[in-house]
Amino acid sequence: MEKPKIAVLFGGCSPEHTLSLQSAYSVISHIDTVKYEPVLLGINASGEWFLFSGGLEKIKNGTWDNPADCLHAIISPDRKTRGVLIFENNKVRTIRLDAGFPVLHGKNGEDGTIQGLLALAGVPVVGCYTLASALSMDKDKAHKIASATGVLVPRSFTIKYGAGRAACLADGKLYDDCPKQAAILGYPLFVKPIKAGSSYGITKVSNEKELLAAVKLAFQYDDEVIVEENIPGFEIGCAVFGTDDLIVGALDEIELAGGFFDFKEKYTLETSIIHVPARIPAELSEEAKKTAMAIYKALGCSGFARVDMFITPSGRIVFNEVNTIPGFTAHSRYPNMLKAIGMTFEEIVNKLIESTLGI
């Protein structure tokens, strides 16, 4: 009997390309190859697709994209194929897939695009499907849905690029109503691309003079920007696992020495510390876990996701965002929260595949 073929998609046409390589290396390294056959599909920074057959270290160190180890390949949307087309020596061969495991962070991977392609192809997806991925990636829409379920969210307004006066931006200057809306929120505040991950393009703005530069930076990553009030307190994360019967890991807590949890701090922890479990009372911890599950369900998440929230000095829980494909290295926040309740990295990866296949 043939082993189920699991496509692991990595890299991607996104600023988070190199981060995906680290996560994918860890995921692939922990797939039970006695049970499953990994099919490694790399997408380079230019958006070209390849079937990769080289050593896993080349994924980890970023040298995977080379002619010796790669053949051009794409996932076919044709359900009869239900898999990959590989182009070799002027011929096309196919690999039929049993599931697709996207390990792609940010745009063009975590936002429903890859999930939609897999759905067209009739290939089951490990993790969140198209709608949940798209909604979770959109900070404004995710907040609106969470708010409708009774979850507290930051006050905010959005800016669309090139959409007339509503855009708040013309001739390189901010319209008057943008600074006015920002003043209503109060400083400091945060300016963020609506659809981007890993804190790319995010600025903490202390006064009106800094607002224009922050908006311009955010527009480098998306065509829509959200301006949010600053929530006092600290950030916690909750790893949610499953679809119907949910498992939640121990909460983690980000302790900052100053500033905010930007890209550099997320991946170096130079001045910050992550505590697992979070240093909060048991009752508040349980409330935060229930809030995370409510958000997860409201957005239609499945498989796995990390729900990030703020705890204010008065003990209120305020929703921040959902990461439908969080960092997935052996040292990342999501697996560490599940490790704290006794799940190994191997168990996390292989149970995700099992649940997708209905085993």
Protein backbone atom coordinates (compact mmCIF):
# COMPACT_ATOMS: atom_id res chain seq x y z
CA MET A 1 0.00 0.00 0.00
CA GLU A 2 1.35 3.41 -0.99
CA LYS A 3 2.02 5.93 1.74
CA PRO A 4 -0.14 9.10 1.61
CA LYS A 5 1.69 11.87 -0.22
CA ILE A 6 1.80 15.15 1.70
CA ALA A 7 2.88 18.27 -0.18
CA VAL A 8 4.79 20.65 2.07
CA LEU A 9 4.78 24.12 0.51
CA PHE A 10 7.58 26.44 1.56
CA GLY A 11 9.33 29.70 0.68
CA GLY A 12 6.83 31.93 -1.07
CA CYS A 13 6.66 35.26 -2.85
CA SER A 14 6.52 37.29 0.36
CA PRO A 15 8.80 39.33 2.65
CA GLU A 16 8.58 36.36 5.02
CA HIS A 17 10.20 33.94 2.55
CA THR A 18 13.27 33.18 4.69
CA LEU A 19 11.14 32.68 7.81
CA SER A 20 9.08 30.10 5.94
CA LEU A 21 12.24 28.15 5.12
CA GLN A 22 13.07 27.77 8.82
CA SER A 23 9.55 26.65 9.70
CA ALA A 24 9.36 24.26 6.76
CA TYR A 25 12.70 22.67 7.67
CA SER A 26 11.36 21.88 11.14
CA VAL A 27 8.03 20.57 9.88
CA ILE A 28 9.59 18.34 7.21
CA SER A 29 12.19 17.04 9.68
CA HIS A 30 9.43 15.86 12.01
CA ILE A 31 7.04 14.21 9.55
CA ASP A 32 6.75 10.48 10.18
CA THR A 33 8.20 9.17 6.91
CA VAL A 34 7.25 5.61 7.86
CA LYS A 35 3.61 6.68 7.47
CA TYR A 36 3.81 9.56 4.97
CA GLU A 37 5.75 10.56 1.87
CA PRO A 38 6.58 14.28 1.87
CA VAL A 39 6.45 16.02 -1.52
CA LEU A 40 8.52 19.19 -1.20
CA LEU A 41 7.23 22.15 -3.21
CA GLY A 42 9.35 25.27 -2.98
CA ILE A 43 8.29 28.69 -4.20
CA ASN A 44 11.16 31.09 -4.72
CA ALA A 45 11.10 34.82 -3.99
CA SER A 46 10.13 35.53 -7.61
CA GLY A 47 7.10 33.26 -7.36
CA GLU A 48 8.47 30.31 -9.38
CA TRP A 49 7.41 26.82 -8.25
CA PHE A 50 9.72 23.81 -8.00
CA LEU A 51 9.72 20.20 -6.87
CA PHE A 52 12.71 20.04 -4.53
CA SER A 53 14.67 16.79 -4.07
CA GLY A 54 17.84 17.97 -2.32
CA GLY A 55 18.98 17.74 1.28
CA LEU A 56 16.87 19.44 3.93
CA GLU A 57 19.81 21.55 5.11
CA LYS A 58 19.56 23.43 1.82
CA ILE A 59 16.06 24.55 2.79
CA LYS A 60 17.32 25.68 6.18
CA ASN A 61 20.26 27.67 4.79
CA GLY A 62 18.38 29.09 1.81
CA THR A 63 20.35 27.35 -0.97
CA TRP A 64 17.50 25.05 -2.06
CA ASP A 65 16.63 27.05 -5.21
CA ASN A 66 19.18 25.57 -7.64
CA PRO A 67 18.97 23.58 -10.92
CA ALA A 68 20.61 20.47 -9.47
CA ASP A 69 17.87 19.96 -6.87
CA CYS A 70 14.80 21.46 -8.53
CA LEU A 71 12.36 20.73 -11.32
CA HIS A 72 9.69 23.18 -12.39
CA ALA A 73 6.38 22.07 -10.93
CA ILE A 74 2.92 23.47 -10.19
CA ILE A 75 -0.22 22.33 -8.42
CA SER A 76 -2.86 21.73 -11.07
CA PRO A 77 -6.35 23.12 -10.37
CA ASP A 78 -7.71 20.16 -12.36
CA ARG A 79 -9.39 17.80 -9.91
CA LYS A 80 -8.72 14.80 -12.12
CA THR A 81 -5.00 15.39 -11.55
CA ARG A 82 -5.48 16.29 -7.87
CA GLY A 83 -1.85 17.03 -7.46
CA VAL A 84 1.36 18.28 -8.97
CA LEU A 85 2.50 18.65 -12.57
CA ILE A 86 6.28 18.21 -12.93
CA PHE A 87 8.05 19.43 -16.06
CA GLU A 88 11.14 17.39 -16.98
CA ASN A 89 12.91 16.82 -20.32
CA ASN A 90 10.03 18.32 -22.30
CA LYS A 91 7.63 15.91 -20.64
CA VAL A 92 5.02 16.30 -17.93
CA ARG A 93 4.45 13.79 -15.16
CA THR A 94 2.11 13.99 -12.20
CA ILE A 95 2.15 13.26 -8.49
CA ARG A 96 -1.26 12.72 -6.92
CA LEU A 97 -1.52 14.35 -3.49
CA ASP A 98 -3.41 13.25 -0.41
CA ALA A 99 -2.98 16.56 1.44
CA GLY A 100 -1.23 19.91 1.23
CA PHE A 101 0.60 21.41 4.20
CA PRO A 102 1.30 25.10 3.53
CA VAL A 103 4.19 26.37 5.65
CA LEU A 104 4.10 29.83 4.10
CA HIS A 105 4.05 32.97 6.23
CA GLY A 106 2.37 36.22 5.24
CA LYS A 107 1.02 37.26 1.85
CA ASN A 108 0.58 34.75 -0.96
CA GLY A 109 0.51 31.85 1.45
CA GLU A 110 -1.21 32.62 4.73
CA ASP A 111 -3.95 34.79 3.22
CA GLY A 112 -6.10 32.14 1.53
CA THR A 113 -4.39 32.17 -1.87
CA ILE A 114 -2.63 28.81 -1.59
CA GLN A 115 -5.56 27.37 0.33
CA GLY A 116 -7.88 28.35 -2.52
CA LEU A 117 -5.64 26.68 -5.09
CA LEU A 118 -5.56 23.47 -3.06
CA ALA A 119 -9.34 23.61 -2.70
CA LEU A 120 -9.74 23.96 -6.49
CA ALA A 121 -7.46 20.97 -6.95
CA GLY A 122 -9.49 18.92 -4.47
CA VAL A 123 -6.49 18.52 -2.16
CA PRO A 124 -7.28 18.65 1.59
CA VAL A 125 -5.45 21.44 3.42
CA VAL A 126 -3.58 21.01 6.69
CA GLY A 127 -4.68 24.01 8.72
CA CYS A 128 -7.14 26.79 7.98
CA TYR A 129 -9.03 26.85 4.71
CA THR A 130 -9.52 29.77 2.31
CA LEU A 131 -12.07 31.97 4.06
CA ALA A 132 -10.62 31.63 7.56
CA SER A 133 -7.13 32.33 6.23
CA ALA A 134 -8.26 35.44 4.33
CA LEU A 135 -10.32 36.83 7.21
CA SER A 136 -7.62 36.21 9.81
CA MET A 137 -5.00 37.90 7.64
CA ASP A 138 -7.15 41.03 7.35
CA LYS A 139 -6.70 42.77 10.71
CA ASP A 140 -9.73 45.04 10.24
CA LYS A 141 -12.18 42.31 9.23
CA ALA A 142 -10.89 39.94 11.92
CA HIS A 143 -11.49 42.66 14.52
CA LYS A 144 -15.00 43.34 13.24
CA ILE A 145 -15.94 39.66 13.41
CA ALA A 146 -14.42 39.23 16.87
CA SER A 147 -16.19 42.37 18.09
CA ALA A 148 -19.52 41.00 16.83
CA THR A 149 -19.04 38.00 19.14
CA GLY A 150 -18.54 40.31 22.13
CA VAL A 151 -14.73 40.27 22.22
CA LEU A 152 -13.00 43.56 22.99
CA VAL A 153 -10.89 44.98 20.13
CA PRO A 154 -8.78 48.15 19.77
CA ARG A 155 -10.45 51.27 18.39
CA SER A 156 -9.19 51.95 14.89
CA PHE A 157 -9.71 53.41 11.43
CA THR A 158 -8.48 52.31 8.01
CA ILE A 159 -6.79 54.06 5.10
CA LYS A 160 -7.05 52.83 1.50
CA TYR A 161 -4.41 53.83 -0.99
CA GLY A 162 -5.59 55.86 -3.98
CA ALA A 163 -9.27 55.83 -3.07
CA GLY A 164 -9.99 59.55 -3.10
CA ARG A 165 -10.57 61.56 0.03
CA ALA A 166 -11.35 58.46 2.08
CA ALA A 167 -7.76 57.41 1.54
CA CYS A 168 -6.54 60.27 3.76
CA LEU A 169 -3.57 60.53 1.42
CA ALA A 170 -2.97 62.82 -1.58
CA ASP A 171 0.09 64.37 -3.19
CA GLY A 172 2.27 62.75 -0.56
CA LYS A 173 0.42 64.45 2.30
CA LEU A 174 -2.19 63.32 4.78
CA TYR A 175 -5.68 64.76 4.50
CA ASP A 176 -6.87 66.70 7.52
CA ASP A 177 -9.34 63.98 8.57
CA CYS A 178 -6.57 61.39 9.03
CA PRO A 179 -4.70 63.36 11.71
CA LYS A 180 -8.05 64.25 13.26
CA GLN A 181 -9.06 60.58 13.52
CA ALA A 182 -5.64 59.74 14.91
CA ALA A 183 -6.00 62.48 17.54
CA ILE A 184 -9.33 60.97 18.59
CA LEU A 185 -7.62 57.61 19.16
CA GLY A 186 -4.83 59.39 21.05
CA TYR A 187 -1.08 58.94 20.98
CA PRO A 188 0.83 56.70 21.06
CA LEU A 189 -0.89 54.58 18.42
CA PHE A 190 0.06 51.90 15.91
CA VAL A 191 0.07 52.10 12.13
CA LYS A 192 -0.03 48.68 10.44
CA PRO A 193 -0.49 47.14 7.00
CA ILE A 194 -3.86 45.41 7.15
CA LYS A 195 -2.53 42.23 5.52
CA ALA A 196 1.07 41.51 6.53
CA GLY A 197 2.80 39.38 9.14
CA SER A 198 5.89 39.28 11.36
CA SER A 199 5.40 42.98 12.25
CA TYR A 200 6.57 44.11 8.80
CA GLY A 201 5.59 47.72 8.17
CA ILE A 202 4.34 48.38 11.70
CA THR A 203 5.24 51.62 13.46
CA LYS A 204 4.47 52.85 16.94
CA VAL A 205 3.66 56.53 16.46
CA SER A 206 4.17 58.97 19.33
CA ASN A 207 2.86 62.18 17.73
CA GLU A 208 1.30 63.63 14.60
CA LYS A 209 4.69 64.48 13.05
CA GLU A 210 5.49 60.75 12.80
CA LEU A 211 2.15 59.77 11.27
CA LEU A 212 2.84 60.38 7.56
CA ALA A 213 6.12 58.41 7.51
CA ALA A 214 4.42 55.52 9.32
CA VAL A 215 1.54 55.44 6.83
CA LYS A 216 3.94 55.51 3.87
CA LEU A 217 5.94 52.63 5.35
CA ALA A 218 2.81 50.53 5.91
CA PHE A 219 1.73 51.14 2.30
CA GLN A 220 4.95 49.46 1.14
CA TYR A 221 3.48 46.16 2.38
CA ASP A 222 -0.21 46.51 1.55
CA ASP A 223 -2.67 48.80 -0.20
CA GLU A 224 -4.70 49.26 2.97
CA VAL A 225 -3.55 50.43 6.38
CA ILE A 226 -5.10 50.25 9.83
CA VAL A 227 -4.42 52.83 12.54
CA GLU A 228 -5.06 51.41 16.02
CA GLU A 229 -5.13 52.78 19.49
CA ASN A 230 -2.37 51.63 21.82
CA ILE A 231 -3.59 49.07 24.35
CA PRO A 232 -1.77 49.42 27.66
CA GLY A 233 -0.53 46.26 29.34
CA PHE A 234 1.19 43.28 27.73
CA GLU A 235 0.62 40.69 25.02
CA ILE A 236 -0.21 37.03 25.46
CA GLY A 237 -0.59 34.23 22.92
CA CYS A 238 -2.77 31.14 22.84
CA ALA A 239 -2.03 28.08 20.69
CA VAL A 240 -5.29 26.53 19.48
CA PHE A 241 -5.19 23.05 17.95
CA GLY A 242 -7.98 21.15 16.22
CA THR A 243 -11.26 21.83 14.46
CA ASP A 244 -14.23 20.57 16.45
CA ASP A 245 -12.71 19.36 19.72
CA LEU A 246 -10.19 22.09 20.45
CA ILE A 247 -7.00 21.77 22.46
CA VAL A 248 -5.35 24.91 23.82
CA GLY A 249 -1.77 25.13 24.96
CA ALA A 250 -0.41 27.00 27.93
CA LEU A 251 -0.63 30.76 27.34
CA ASP A 252 2.61 32.58 26.72
CA GLU A 253 3.45 36.14 27.75
CA ILE A 254 5.75 38.63 26.07
CA GLU A 255 7.78 40.68 28.51
CA LEU A 256 9.23 43.75 26.80
CA ALA A 257 12.06 45.93 28.03
CA GLY A 258 10.69 48.77 25.91
CA GLY A 259 9.11 49.58 22.56
CA PHE A 260 6.94 46.86 21.01
CA PHE A 261 7.31 43.31 19.74
CA ASP A 262 8.64 44.26 16.31
CA PHE A 263 10.30 42.05 13.67
CA LYS A 264 13.74 42.24 15.29
CA GLU A 265 12.47 41.29 18.75
CA LYS A 266 10.31 38.48 17.41
CA TYR A 267 13.29 36.72 15.88
CA THR A 268 16.18 37.71 18.17
CA LEU A 269 14.60 38.30 21.62
CA GLU A 270 17.45 40.72 22.31
CA THR A 271 15.62 42.66 25.03
CA SER A 272 12.39 40.67 25.48
CA ILE A 273 11.51 37.46 27.27
CA ILE A 274 8.72 35.00 26.51
CA HIS A 275 7.24 33.33 29.56
CA VAL A 276 5.42 29.99 29.26
CA PRO A 277 3.04 29.82 31.00
CA ALA A 278 1.98 33.46 31.17
CA ARG A 279 2.36 35.03 34.61
CA ILE A 280 -1.33 35.77 35.13
CA PRO A 281 -3.92 34.44 37.62
CA ALA A 282 -5.50 31.08 36.81
CA GLU A 283 -8.97 32.58 36.46
CA LEU A 284 -7.77 35.18 33.95
CA SER A 285 -5.83 32.50 32.08
CA GLU A 286 -8.97 30.39 31.65
CA GLU A 287 -10.92 33.44 30.47
CA ALA A 288 -8.21 34.22 27.92
CA LYS A 289 -8.27 30.64 26.61
CA LYS A 290 -12.05 30.77 26.21
CA THR A 291 -11.72 34.10 24.40
CA ALA A 292 -9.10 32.64 22.06
CA MET A 293 -11.33 29.67 21.24
CA ALA A 294 -14.29 31.98 20.61
CA ILE A 295 -12.22 34.05 18.16
CA TYR A 296 -10.87 30.90 16.47
CA LYS A 297 -14.38 29.57 15.93
CA ALA A 298 -15.83 32.92 14.86
CA LEU A 299 -13.23 33.23 12.10
CA GLY A 300 -13.81 29.63 11.00
CA CYS A 301 -10.30 28.44 11.80
CA SER A 302 -9.37 24.77 11.61
CA GLY A 303 -6.30 22.65 12.28
CA PHE A 304 -4.17 25.19 14.10
CA ALA A 305 -3.64 28.89 14.72
CA ARG A 306 -2.16 31.22 17.31
CA VAL A 307 -4.48 33.84 18.79
CA ASP A 308 -2.73 36.92 20.20
CA MET A 309 -4.38 39.15 22.80
CA PHE A 310 -3.54 41.96 25.19
CA ILE A 311 -4.05 41.97 28.95
CA THR A 312 -4.64 45.48 30.25
CA PRO A 313 -3.58 46.66 33.73
CA SER A 314 -7.21 46.29 34.84
CA GLY A 315 -7.32 42.67 33.61
CA ARG A 316 -9.34 43.20 30.43
CA ILE A 317 -8.66 40.91 27.46
CA VAL A 318 -8.37 42.70 24.12
CA PHE A 319 -7.97 40.86 20.80
CA ASN A 320 -4.88 41.64 18.72
CA GLU A 321 -4.64 39.19 15.79
CA VAL A 322 -4.74 35.58 14.62
CA ASN A 323 -1.79 33.86 12.91
CA THR A 324 -3.13 30.95 10.88
CA ILE A 325 0.40 29.75 10.02
CA PRO A 326 2.48 30.87 12.99
CA GLY A 327 6.21 30.29 13.28
CA PHE A 328 6.76 26.54 13.27
CA THR A 329 10.35 25.92 14.28
CA ALA A 330 11.15 23.77 17.30
CA HIS A 331 11.74 27.02 19.23
CA SER A 332 8.70 28.98 18.01
CA ARG A 333 5.93 30.21 20.27
CA TYR A 334 3.13 27.99 18.92
CA PRO A 335 4.78 24.57 19.42
CA ASN A 336 6.27 25.68 22.74
CA MET A 337 2.81 26.48 24.11
CA LEU A 338 1.65 22.97 23.17
CA LYS A 339 4.86 21.41 24.48
CA ALA A 340 3.98 22.96 27.83
CA ILE A 341 0.90 20.71 28.00
CA GLY A 342 2.83 17.61 26.97
CA MET A 343 2.62 17.54 23.15
CA THR A 344 5.89 16.87 21.33
CA PHE A 345 6.78 18.62 18.07
CA GLU A 346 6.45 15.30 16.21
CA GLU A 347 3.03 14.73 17.72
CA ILE A 348 1.85 18.22 16.70
CA VAL A 349 2.95 17.80 13.07
CA ASN A 350 1.70 14.26 12.61
CA LYS A 351 -1.64 14.75 14.38
CA LEU A 352 -2.30 17.70 12.06
CA ILE A 353 -1.73 15.44 9.06
CA GLU A 354 -3.79 12.60 10.58
CA SER A 355 -6.76 14.87 11.26
CA THR A 356 -6.60 16.26 7.71
CA LEU A 357 -6.63 12.74 6.24
CA GLY A 358 -9.37 11.65 8.65
CA ILE A 359 -7.19 8.91 10.14
